[in-house]
Amino acid sequence: MIKNKRGSNKAKALLEEIGFEEITEISMDIFVAALGATLIEESLPNSDGKIIRGNTKTLIKVNSDIKFEERKRFTIAHEIGHYLLHNKL
């Protein structure tokens, strides 16, 4: 099976651009800010996270009810993936 590595390649390039080698070295607030987006934690019924794009601003929202930090980081990284891969949407 051939895997599409476009997302991981873009994420690695962004990490290098902001001076980090591993995602575990950086807070997700800093990573999202480096994209030019804003991270918001709030209660999201029926969703762990979502991305909202406006004309001048992008919001990445993560459900504040998620209990485990690792799950929050995964959710934020997942939404960043949408941001990087679908930047023309």
PDB file of N, CA and C in Angstrom:
ATOM      1  N   MET A   1       0.835  -1.171   0.000  1.00  0.00           N
ATOM      2  CA  MET A   1       0.000   0.000   0.000  1.00  0.00           C
ATOM      3  C   MET A   1       0.892   1.250   0.000  1.00  0.00           C
ATOM      4  N   ILE A   2       0.557   2.194  -0.845  1.00  0.00           N
ATOM      5  CA  ILE A   2       1.291   3.458  -0.914  1.00  0.00           C
ATOM      6  C   ILE A   2       0.626   4.447   0.037  1.00  0.00           C
ATOM      7  N   LYS A   3       1.435   5.063   0.896  1.00  0.00           N
ATOM      8  CA  LYS A   3       0.904   6.026   1.860  1.00  0.00           C
ATOM      9  C   LYS A   3       1.150   7.440   1.345  1.00  0.00           C
ATOM     10  N   ASN A   4       0.179   8.289   1.543  1.00  0.00           N
ATOM     11  CA  ASN A   4       0.308   9.689   1.186  1.00  0.00           C
ATOM     12  C   ASN A   4       1.010  10.401   2.339  1.00  0.00           C
ATOM     13  N   LYS A   5       2.198  10.903   2.092  1.00  0.00           N
ATOM     14  CA  LYS A   5       2.986  11.558   3.143  1.00  0.00           C
ATOM     15  C   LYS A   5       2.957  13.075   3.020  1.00  0.00           C
ATOM     16  N   ARG A   6       2.042  13.579   2.201  1.00  0.00           N
ATOM     17  CA  ARG A   6       1.983  15.017   1.982  1.00  0.00           C
ATOM     18  C   ARG A   6       1.784  15.771   3.293  1.00  0.00           C
ATOM     19  N   GLY A   7       0.883  15.284   4.150  1.00  0.00           N
ATOM     20  CA  GLY A   7       0.613  15.956   5.424  1.00  0.00           C
ATOM     21  C   GLY A   7       1.805  15.956   6.352  1.00  0.00           C
ATOM     22  N   SER A   8       2.447  14.794   6.514  1.00  0.00           N
ATOM     23  CA  SER A   8       3.599  14.734   7.420  1.00  0.00           C
ATOM     24  C   SER A   8       4.769  15.539   6.867  1.00  0.00           C
ATOM     25  N   ASN A   9       4.923  15.579   5.554  1.00  0.00           N
ATOM     26  CA  ASN A   9       5.996  16.386   4.961  1.00  0.00           C
ATOM     27  C   ASN A   9       5.764  17.870   5.206  1.00  0.00           C
ATOM     28  N   LYS A  10       4.520  18.319   5.064  1.00  0.00           N
ATOM     29  CA  LYS A  10       4.217  19.734   5.321  1.00  0.00           C
ATOM     30  C   LYS A  10       4.419  20.080   6.793  1.00  0.00           C
ATOM     31  N   ALA A  11       4.010  19.187   7.681  1.00  0.00           N
ATOM     32  CA  ALA A  11       4.182  19.428   9.118  1.00  0.00           C
ATOM     33  C   ALA A  11       5.660  19.507   9.482  1.00  0.00           C
ATOM     34  N   LYS A  12       6.466  18.602   8.945  1.00  0.00           N
ATOM     35  CA  LYS A  12       7.913  18.626   9.211  1.00  0.00           C
ATOM     36  C   LYS A  12       8.543  19.907   8.686  1.00  0.00           C
ATOM     37  N   ALA A  13       8.127  20.345   7.500  1.00  0.00           N
ATOM     38  CA  ALA A  13       8.666  21.582   6.930  1.00  0.00           C
ATOM     39  C   ALA A  13       8.315  22.775   7.808  1.00  0.00           C
ATOM     40  N   LEU A  14       7.097  22.802   8.327  1.00  0.00           N
ATOM     41  CA  LEU A  14       6.693  23.898   9.206  1.00  0.00           C
ATOM     42  C   LEU A  14       7.490  23.885  10.503  1.00  0.00           C
ATOM     43  N   LEU A  15       7.687  22.711  11.079  1.00  0.00           N
ATOM     44  CA  LEU A  15       8.494  22.609  12.301  1.00  0.00           C
ATOM     45  C   LEU A  15       9.896  23.147  12.069  1.00  0.00           C
ATOM     46  N   GLU A  16      10.512  22.749  10.961  1.00  0.00           N
ATOM     47  CA  GLU A  16      11.862  23.234  10.645  1.00  0.00           C
ATOM     48  C   GLU A  16      11.861  24.745  10.463  1.00  0.00           C
ATOM     49  N   GLU A  17      10.827  25.258   9.808  1.00  0.00           N
ATOM     50  CA  GLU A  17      10.733  26.691   9.550  1.00  0.00           C
ATOM     51  C   GLU A  17      10.693  27.505  10.843  1.00  0.00           C
ATOM     52  N   ILE A  18      10.044  26.959  11.876  1.00  0.00           N
ATOM     53  CA  ILE A  18       9.952  27.699  13.137  1.00  0.00           C
ATOM     54  C   ILE A  18      11.011  27.261  14.148  1.00  0.00           C
ATOM     55  N   GLY A  19      11.924  26.374  13.719  1.00  0.00           N
ATOM     56  CA  GLY A  19      13.086  26.050  14.537  1.00  0.00           C
ATOM     57  C   GLY A  19      12.963  24.858  15.466  1.00  0.00           C
ATOM     58  N   PHE A  20      12.096  23.905  15.165  1.00  0.00           N
ATOM     59  CA  PHE A  20      11.938  22.708  15.987  1.00  0.00           C
ATOM     60  C   PHE A  20      12.110  21.462  15.136  1.00  0.00           C
ATOM     61  N   GLU A  21      12.580  20.394  15.775  1.00  0.00           N
ATOM     62  CA  GLU A  21      12.742  19.132  15.064  1.00  0.00           C
ATOM     63  C   GLU A  21      11.598  18.167  15.329  1.00  0.00           C
ATOM     64  N   GLU A  22      11.018  18.213  16.501  1.00  0.00           N
ATOM     65  CA  GLU A  22       9.955  17.282  16.890  1.00  0.00           C
ATOM     66  C   GLU A  22       8.748  18.052  17.408  1.00  0.00           C
ATOM     67  N   ILE A  23       7.577  17.570  17.081  1.00  0.00           N
ATOM     68  CA  ILE A  23       6.346  18.209  17.545  1.00  0.00           C
ATOM     69  C   ILE A  23       6.233  18.161  19.066  1.00  0.00           C
ATOM     70  N   THR A  24       6.845  17.161  19.694  1.00  0.00           N
ATOM     71  CA  THR A  24       6.757  17.042  21.153  1.00  0.00           C
ATOM     72  C   THR A  24       7.533  18.138  21.870  1.00  0.00           C
ATOM     73  N   GLU A  25       8.375  18.864  21.147  1.00  0.00           N
ATOM     74  CA  GLU A  25       9.175  19.931  21.750  1.00  0.00           C
ATOM     75  C   GLU A  25       8.422  21.254  21.864  1.00  0.00           C
ATOM     76  N   ILE A  26       7.247  21.344  21.301  1.00  0.00           N
ATOM     77  CA  ILE A  26       6.588  22.635  21.162  1.00  0.00           C
ATOM     78  C   ILE A  26       5.172  22.589  21.738  1.00  0.00           C
ATOM     79  N   SER A  27       4.759  23.707  22.331  1.00  0.00           N
ATOM     80  CA  SER A  27       3.369  23.778  22.783  1.00  0.00           C
ATOM     81  C   SER A  27       2.480  23.972  21.556  1.00  0.00           C
ATOM     82  N   MET A  28       1.286  23.453  21.624  1.00  0.00           N
ATOM     83  CA  MET A  28       0.383  23.563  20.485  1.00  0.00           C
ATOM     84  C   MET A  28      -0.046  25.007  20.263  1.00  0.00           C
ATOM     85  N   ASP A  29      -0.092  25.822  21.316  1.00  0.00           N
ATOM     86  CA  ASP A  29      -0.393  27.247  21.152  1.00  0.00           C
ATOM     87  C   ASP A  29       0.621  27.909  20.226  1.00  0.00           C
ATOM     88  N   ILE A  30       1.896  27.620  20.461  1.00  0.00           N
ATOM     89  CA  ILE A  30       2.961  28.202  19.645  1.00  0.00           C
ATOM     90  C   ILE A  30       2.879  27.685  18.218  1.00  0.00           C
ATOM     91  N   PHE A  31       2.623  26.396  18.063  1.00  0.00           N
ATOM     92  CA  PHE A  31       2.542  25.800  16.732  1.00  0.00           C
ATOM     93  C   PHE A  31       1.394  26.411  15.934  1.00  0.00           C
ATOM     94  N   VAL A  32       0.230  26.548  16.559  1.00  0.00           N
ATOM     95  CA  VAL A  32      -0.925  27.141  15.879  1.00  0.00           C
ATOM     96  C   VAL A  32      -0.645  28.608  15.551  1.00  0.00           C
ATOM     97  N   ALA A  33      -0.041  29.341  16.480  1.00  0.00           N
ATOM     98  CA  ALA A  33       0.283  30.749  16.238  1.00  0.00           C
ATOM     99  C   ALA A  33       1.273  30.899  15.088  1.00  0.00           C
ATOM    100  N   ALA A  34       2.206  29.952  14.962  1.00  0.00           N
ATOM    101  CA  ALA A  34       3.173  29.997  13.861  1.00  0.00           C
ATOM    102  C   ALA A  34       2.480  29.868  12.508  1.00  0.00           C
ATOM    103  N   LEU A  35       1.322  29.253  12.494  1.00  0.00           N
ATOM    104  CA  LEU A  35       0.538  29.145  11.266  1.00  0.00           C
ATOM    105  C   LEU A  35      -0.210  30.438  10.961  1.00  0.00           C
ATOM    106  N   GLY A  36      -0.304  31.302  11.947  1.00  0.00           N
ATOM    107  CA  GLY A  36      -1.098  32.512  11.798  1.00  0.00           C
ATOM    108  C   GLY A  36      -2.546  32.304  12.207  1.00  0.00           C
ATOM    109  N   ALA A  37      -2.808  31.219  12.915  1.00  0.00           N
ATOM    110  CA  ALA A  37      -4.165  30.897  13.368  1.00  0.00           C
ATOM    111  C   ALA A  37      -4.262  31.124  14.876  1.00  0.00           C
ATOM    112  N   THR A  38      -5.473  31.017  15.393  1.00  0.00           N
ATOM    113  CA  THR A  38      -5.726  31.182  16.819  1.00  0.00           C
ATOM    114  C   THR A  38      -6.318  29.895  17.374  1.00  0.00           C
ATOM    115  N   LEU A  39      -5.785  29.429  18.502  1.00  0.00           N
ATOM    116  CA  LEU A  39      -6.278  28.224  19.160  1.00  0.00           C
ATOM    117  C   LEU A  39      -7.254  28.619  20.258  1.00  0.00           C
ATOM    118  N   ILE A  40      -8.429  27.989  20.240  1.00  0.00           N
ATOM    119  CA  ILE A  40      -9.460  28.257  21.239  1.00  0.00           C
ATOM    120  C   ILE A  40      -9.914  26.933  21.836  1.00  0.00           C
ATOM    121  N   GLU A  41      -9.954  26.872  23.170  1.00  0.00           N
ATOM    122  CA  GLU A  41     -10.519  25.708  23.862  1.00  0.00           C
ATOM    123  C   GLU A  41     -11.892  26.091  24.373  1.00  0.00           C
ATOM    124  N   GLU A  42     -12.897  25.337  23.954  1.00  0.00           N
ATOM    125  CA  GLU A  42     -14.261  25.557  24.430  1.00  0.00           C
ATOM    126  C   GLU A  42     -15.040  24.259  24.305  1.00  0.00           C
ATOM    127  N   SER A  43     -16.155  24.191  25.004  1.00  0.00           N
ATOM    128  CA  SER A  43     -16.993  23.003  24.929  1.00  0.00           C
ATOM    129  C   SER A  43     -17.589  22.907  23.527  1.00  0.00           C
ATOM    130  N   LEU A  44     -17.364  21.768  22.880  1.00  0.00           N
ATOM    131  CA  LEU A  44     -17.869  21.544  21.523  1.00  0.00           C
ATOM    132  C   LEU A  44     -18.748  20.293  21.534  1.00  0.00           C
ATOM    133  N   PRO A  45     -20.044  20.468  21.627  1.00  0.00           N
ATOM    134  CA  PRO A  45     -20.915  19.289  21.595  1.00  0.00           C
ATOM    135  C   PRO A  45     -20.744  18.541  20.273  1.00  0.00           C
ATOM    136  N   ASN A  46     -20.617  17.237  20.337  1.00  0.00           N
ATOM    137  CA  ASN A  46     -20.545  16.378  19.150  1.00  0.00           C
ATOM    138  C   ASN A  46     -19.253  16.495  18.353  1.00  0.00           C
ATOM    139  N   SER A  47     -18.204  17.098  18.913  1.00  0.00           N
ATOM    140  CA  SER A  47     -16.966  17.249  18.156  1.00  0.00           C
ATOM    141  C   SER A  47     -15.775  17.386  19.099  1.00  0.00           C
ATOM    142  N   ASP A  48     -14.639  16.808  18.697  1.00  0.00           N
ATOM    143  CA  ASP A  48     -13.398  17.010  19.454  1.00  0.00           C
ATOM    144  C   ASP A  48     -12.697  18.287  19.012  1.00  0.00           C
ATOM    145  N   GLY A  49     -12.842  18.646  17.743  1.00  0.00           N
ATOM    146  CA  GLY A  49     -12.186  19.836  17.240  1.00  0.00           C
ATOM    147  C   GLY A  49     -12.756  20.257  15.907  1.00  0.00           C
ATOM    148  N   LYS A  50     -12.454  21.486  15.531  1.00  0.00           N
ATOM    149  CA  LYS A  50     -12.862  21.970  14.220  1.00  0.00           C
ATOM    150  C   LYS A  50     -12.029  23.176  13.839  1.00  0.00           C
ATOM    151  N   ILE A  51     -12.032  23.457  12.547  1.00  0.00           N
ATOM    152  CA  ILE A  51     -11.314  24.613  12.028  1.00  0.00           C
ATOM    153  C   ILE A  51     -12.336  25.541  11.387  1.00  0.00           C
ATOM    154  N   ILE A  52     -12.193  26.819  11.656  1.00  0.00           N
ATOM    155  CA  ILE A  52     -13.087  27.826  11.095  1.00  0.00           C
ATOM    156  C   ILE A  52     -12.214  28.849  10.383  1.00  0.00           C
ATOM    157  N   ARG A  53     -12.461  29.016   9.100  1.00  0.00           N
ATOM    158  CA  ARG A  53     -11.687  29.972   8.305  1.00  0.00           C
ATOM    159  C   ARG A  53     -12.551  31.179   7.967  1.00  0.00           C
ATOM    160  N   GLY A  54     -12.042  32.340   8.297  1.00  0.00           N
ATOM    161  CA  GLY A  54     -12.700  33.578   7.908  1.00  0.00           C
ATOM    162  C   GLY A  54     -11.881  34.244   6.817  1.00  0.00           C
ATOM    163  N   ASN A  55     -12.278  35.435   6.431  1.00  0.00           N
ATOM    164  CA  ASN A  55     -11.537  36.151   5.390  1.00  0.00           C
ATOM    165  C   ASN A  55     -10.152  36.566   5.854  1.00  0.00           C
ATOM    166  N   THR A  56     -10.035  36.898   7.131  1.00  0.00           N
ATOM    167  CA  THR A  56      -8.752  37.393   7.634  1.00  0.00           C
ATOM    168  C   THR A  56      -8.193  36.587   8.796  1.00  0.00           C
ATOM    169  N   LYS A  57      -8.950  35.603   9.282  1.00  0.00           N
ATOM    170  CA  LYS A  57      -8.520  34.881  10.471  1.00  0.00           C
ATOM    171  C   LYS A  57      -8.948  33.425  10.396  1.00  0.00           C
ATOM    172  N   THR A  58      -8.113  32.552  10.948  1.00  0.00           N
ATOM    173  CA  THR A  58      -8.446  31.136  11.061  1.00  0.00           C
ATOM    174  C   THR A  58      -8.447  30.760  12.536  1.00  0.00           C
ATOM    175  N   LEU A  59      -9.499  30.066  12.958  1.00  0.00           N
ATOM    176  CA  LEU A  59      -9.610  29.581  14.327  1.00  0.00           C
ATOM    177  C   LEU A  59      -9.512  28.067  14.319  1.00  0.00           C
ATOM    178  N   ILE A  60      -8.732  27.532  15.230  1.00  0.00           N
ATOM    179  CA  ILE A  60      -8.698  26.098  15.469  1.00  0.00           C
ATOM    180  C   ILE A  60      -9.270  25.901  16.861  1.00  0.00           C
ATOM    181  N   LYS A  61     -10.395  25.190  16.910  1.00  0.00           N
ATOM    182  CA  LYS A  61     -11.081  24.977  18.178  1.00  0.00           C
ATOM    183  C   LYS A  61     -10.896  23.535  18.618  1.00  0.00           C
ATOM    184  N   VAL A  62     -10.660  23.361  19.925  1.00  0.00           N
ATOM    185  CA  VAL A  62     -10.544  22.028  20.515  1.00  0.00           C
ATOM    186  C   VAL A  62     -11.506  21.957  21.699  1.00  0.00           C
ATOM    187  N   ASN A  63     -12.127  20.815  21.845  1.00  0.00           N
ATOM    188  CA  ASN A  63     -13.117  20.615  22.897  1.00  0.00           C
ATOM    189  C   ASN A  63     -12.445  20.651  24.272  1.00  0.00           C
ATOM    190  N   SER A  64     -12.858  21.594  25.095  1.00  0.00           N
ATOM    191  CA  SER A  64     -12.279  21.744  26.440  1.00  0.00           C
ATOM    192  C   SER A  64     -12.674  20.597  27.365  1.00  0.00           C
ATOM    193  N   ASP A  65     -13.640  19.802  26.960  1.00  0.00           N
ATOM    194  CA  ASP A  65     -14.072  18.663  27.775  1.00  0.00           C
ATOM    195  C   ASP A  65     -13.190  17.430  27.592  1.00  0.00           C
ATOM    196  N   ILE A  66     -12.247  17.478  26.649  1.00  0.00           N
ATOM    197  CA  ILE A  66     -11.325  16.351  26.466  1.00  0.00           C
ATOM    198  C   ILE A  66     -10.444  16.266  27.704  1.00  0.00           C
ATOM    199  N   LYS A  67     -10.412  15.115  28.337  1.00  0.00           N
ATOM    200  CA  LYS A  67      -9.716  14.964  29.618  1.00  0.00           C
ATOM    201  C   LYS A  67      -8.214  14.728  29.488  1.00  0.00           C
ATOM    202  N   PHE A  68      -7.782  14.101  28.426  1.00  0.00           N
ATOM    203  CA  PHE A  68      -6.373  13.727  28.292  1.00  0.00           C
ATOM    204  C   PHE A  68      -5.632  14.686  27.362  1.00  0.00           C
ATOM    205  N   GLU A  69      -4.522  15.222  27.870  1.00  0.00           N
ATOM    206  CA  GLU A  69      -3.735  16.186  27.105  1.00  0.00           C
ATOM    207  C   GLU A  69      -3.274  15.606  25.770  1.00  0.00           C
ATOM    208  N   GLU A  70      -2.914  14.330  25.760  1.00  0.00           N
ATOM    209  CA  GLU A  70      -2.462  13.690  24.524  1.00  0.00           C
ATOM    210  C   GLU A  70      -3.563  13.721  23.469  1.00  0.00           C
ATOM    211  N   ARG A  71      -4.790  13.509  23.886  1.00  0.00           N
ATOM    212  CA  ARG A  71      -5.920  13.549  22.951  1.00  0.00           C
ATOM    213  C   ARG A  71      -6.136  14.961  22.435  1.00  0.00           C
ATOM    214  N   LYS A  72      -5.967  15.967  23.298  1.00  0.00           N
ATOM    215  CA  LYS A  72      -6.086  17.359  22.853  1.00  0.00           C
ATOM    216  C   LYS A  72      -5.024  17.671  21.810  1.00  0.00           C
ATOM    217  N   ARG A  73      -3.777  17.257  22.087  1.00  0.00           N
ATOM    218  CA  ARG A  73      -2.687  17.508  21.134  1.00  0.00           C
ATOM    219  C   ARG A  73      -2.967  16.825  19.800  1.00  0.00           C
ATOM    220  N   PHE A  74      -3.451  15.587  19.854  1.00  0.00           N
ATOM    221  CA  PHE A  74      -3.778  14.867  18.630  1.00  0.00           C
ATOM    222  C   PHE A  74      -4.859  15.615  17.845  1.00  0.00           C
ATOM    223  N   THR A  75      -5.895  16.065  18.545  1.00  0.00           N
ATOM    224  CA  THR A  75      -7.001  16.766  17.892  1.00  0.00           C
ATOM    225  C   THR A  75      -6.521  18.056  17.250  1.00  0.00           C
ATOM    226  N   ILE A  76      -5.701  18.812  17.961  1.00  0.00           N
ATOM    227  CA  ILE A  76      -5.161  20.056  17.412  1.00  0.00           C
ATOM    228  C   ILE A  76      -4.293  19.748  16.196  1.00  0.00           C
ATOM    229  N   ALA A  77      -3.436  18.742  16.301  1.00  0.00           N
ATOM    230  CA  ALA A  77      -2.586  18.360  15.169  1.00  0.00           C
ATOM    231  C   ALA A  77      -3.435  17.923  13.978  1.00  0.00           C
ATOM    232  N   HIS A  78      -4.524  17.223  14.239  1.00  0.00           N
ATOM    233  CA  HIS A  78      -5.435  16.799  13.178  1.00  0.00           C
ATOM    234  C   HIS A  78      -6.015  18.019  12.453  1.00  0.00           C
ATOM    235  N   GLU A  79      -6.444  19.017  13.213  1.00  0.00           N
ATOM    236  CA  GLU A  79      -7.001  20.230  12.606  1.00  0.00           C
ATOM    237  C   GLU A  79      -5.920  21.018  11.862  1.00  0.00           C
ATOM    238  N   ILE A  80      -4.694  21.024  12.389  1.00  0.00           N
ATOM    239  CA  ILE A  80      -3.581  21.657  11.677  1.00  0.00           C
ATOM    240  C   ILE A  80      -3.368  20.959  10.339  1.00  0.00           C
ATOM    241  N   GLY A  81      -3.515  19.638  10.327  1.00  0.00           N
ATOM    242  CA  GLY A  81      -3.407  18.894   9.073  1.00  0.00           C
ATOM    243  C   GLY A  81      -4.405  19.385   8.041  1.00  0.00           C
ATOM    244  N   HIS A  82      -5.643  19.620   8.467  1.00  0.00           N
ATOM    245  CA  HIS A  82      -6.635  20.177   7.543  1.00  0.00           C
ATOM    246  C   HIS A  82      -6.189  21.550   7.053  1.00  0.00           C
ATOM    247  N   TYR A  83      -5.664  22.349   7.954  1.00  0.00           N
ATOM    248  CA  TYR A  83      -5.201  23.694   7.599  1.00  0.00           C
ATOM    249  C   TYR A  83      -4.105  23.632   6.536  1.00  0.00           C
ATOM    250  N   LEU A  84      -3.151  22.737   6.729  1.00  0.00           N
ATOM    251  CA  LEU A  84      -2.023  22.635   5.804  1.00  0.00           C
ATOM    252  C   LEU A  84      -2.404  21.991   4.473  1.00  0.00           C
ATOM    253  N   LEU A  85      -3.245  20.990   4.521  1.00  0.00           N
ATOM    254  CA  LEU A  85      -3.564  20.238   3.306  1.00  0.00           C
ATOM    255  C   LEU A  85      -4.680  20.851   2.477  1.00  0.00           C
ATOM    256  N   HIS A  86      -5.525  21.618   3.109  1.00  0.00           N
ATOM    257  CA  HIS A  86      -6.681  22.161   2.398  1.00  0.00           C
ATOM    258  C   HIS A  86      -6.697  23.682   2.486  1.00  0.00           C
ATOM    259  N   ASN A  87      -5.543  24.297   2.325  1.00  0.00           N
ATOM    260  CA  ASN A  87      -5.437  25.739   2.556  1.00  0.00           C
ATOM    261  C   ASN A  87      -6.184  26.580   1.535  1.00  0.00           C
ATOM    262  N   LYS A  88      -6.690  25.980   0.466  1.00  0.00           N
ATOM    263  CA  LYS A  88      -7.439  26.755  -0.521  1.00  0.00           C
ATOM    264  C   LYS A  88      -8.939  26.638  -0.335  1.00  0.00           C
ATOM    265  N   LEU A  89      -9.372  25.896   0.705  1.00  0.00           N
ATOM    266  CA  LEU A  89     -10.812  25.746   0.955  1.00  0.00           C
ATOM    267  C   LEU A  89     -11.378  26.992   1.587  1.00  0.00           C
TER     268      LEU A  89
END
